Protein backbone atom coordinates (compact mmCIF):
# COMPACT_ATOMS: atom_id res chain seq x y z
CA UNK A 1 -22.04 12.89 -24.43
CA UNK A 2 -19.23 15.40 -24.32
CA UNK A 3 -21.55 18.40 -24.46
CA UNK A 4 -23.85 17.01 -21.77
CA UNK A 5 -20.85 16.38 -19.50
CA UNK A 6 -19.62 19.94 -20.09
CA UNK A 7 -23.06 21.33 -19.28
CA UNK A 8 -23.30 19.29 -16.07
CA UNK A 9 -19.79 20.36 -15.02
CA UNK A 10 -20.85 23.98 -15.59
CA UNK A 11 -23.75 23.50 -13.17
CA UNK A 12 -26.51 23.43 -15.77
CA UNK A 13 -28.05 20.16 -14.65
CA UNK A 14 -27.47 16.44 -14.62
CA UNK A 15 -25.97 14.18 -17.29
CA UNK A 16 -26.07 10.47 -17.89
CA UNK A 17 -22.90 8.99 -19.33
CA UNK A 18 -20.82 5.86 -19.33
CA UNK A 19 -18.08 5.38 -16.79
CA UNK A 20 -15.53 5.57 -19.61
CA UNK A 21 -16.86 8.91 -20.86
CA UNK A 22 -17.06 10.56 -17.42
CA UNK A 23 -13.96 9.08 -15.76
CA UNK A 24 -11.67 12.11 -16.12
CA UNK A 25 -14.28 14.60 -14.91
CA UNK A 26 -15.09 12.41 -11.91
CA UNK A 27 -11.41 11.82 -11.09
CA UNK A 28 -10.64 15.54 -11.00
CA UNK A 29 -13.78 16.44 -9.06
CA UNK A 30 -15.63 18.38 -11.78
CA UNK A 31 -18.45 15.81 -11.74
CA UNK A 32 -19.79 13.24 -9.29
CA UNK A 33 -21.60 9.97 -9.83
CA UNK A 34 -23.80 9.89 -6.73
CA UNK A 35 -25.50 6.64 -7.71
CA UNK A 36 -22.48 4.93 -9.26
CA UNK A 37 -22.66 3.16 -12.59
CA UNK A 38 -24.84 0.29 -13.77
CA UNK A 39 -23.64 -2.26 -16.30
CA UNK A 40 -26.08 -2.12 -19.19
CA UNK A 41 -24.43 -4.45 -21.69
CA UNK A 42 -23.34 -1.67 -24.03
CA UNK A 43 -19.94 -1.90 -25.70
CA UNK A 44 -17.45 0.03 -27.78
CA UNK A 45 -16.20 -1.38 -31.07
CA UNK A 46 -13.20 -0.44 -33.15
CA UNK A 47 -13.86 -0.74 -36.88
CA UNK A 48 -11.24 -0.79 -39.59
CA UNK A 49 -11.48 -1.08 -43.39
CA UNK A 50 -8.47 -3.43 -43.30
CA UNK A 51 -7.71 -6.46 -41.09
CA UNK A 52 -5.70 -5.87 -37.94
CA UNK A 53 -3.73 -9.12 -37.79
CA UNK A 54 -1.07 -8.11 -40.35
CA UNK A 55 -0.62 -4.44 -39.41
CA UNK A 56 1.52 -3.79 -36.36
CA UNK A 57 0.34 -0.18 -36.11
CA UNK A 58 -3.29 -1.25 -35.83
CA UNK A 59 -2.42 -3.94 -33.29
CA UNK A 60 -0.54 -1.41 -31.15
CA UNK A 61 -3.50 0.97 -31.29
CA UNK A 62 -5.92 -1.80 -30.36
CA UNK A 63 -3.76 -2.90 -27.41
CA UNK A 64 -3.48 0.68 -26.17
CA UNK A 65 -7.23 1.27 -26.41
CA UNK A 66 -7.93 -1.94 -24.50
CA UNK A 67 -5.43 -1.01 -21.77
CA UNK A 68 -6.89 2.48 -21.38
CA UNK A 69 -10.46 1.16 -21.18
CA UNK A 70 -9.48 -1.55 -18.70
CA UNK A 71 -7.60 0.94 -16.50
CA UNK A 72 -10.65 3.19 -16.38
CA UNK A 73 -13.01 0.34 -15.60
CA UNK A 74 -10.65 -1.09 -12.96
CA UNK A 75 -10.98 2.08 -10.89
CA UNK A 76 -13.53 1.58 -8.13
CA UNK A 77 -16.85 3.25 -8.90
CA UNK A 78 -18.07 5.92 -6.52
CA UNK A 79 -20.24 4.77 -3.65
CA UNK A 80 -23.93 5.71 -3.72
CA UNK A 81 -25.00 8.31 -1.15
CA UNK A 82 -26.52 7.22 2.12
CA UNK A 83 -30.28 7.42 1.95
């Protein structure tokens, strides 16, 4: 996804990406989402070889990741263009 977003920002075409992956580029005006975003049921998962419940460091990381994702998703999506 990162390379396709870079190519689109450089004017080499279009890219399809999740709202989470493109949020920074859209926020600073390097990319636009003219048709907004569509919920497709995809998800991100954090995997660990050890359980989280007894490791404060892992719990802090998990909480931070959730907050960052929620903050990005809470931002209003761009409006589609008038047809």
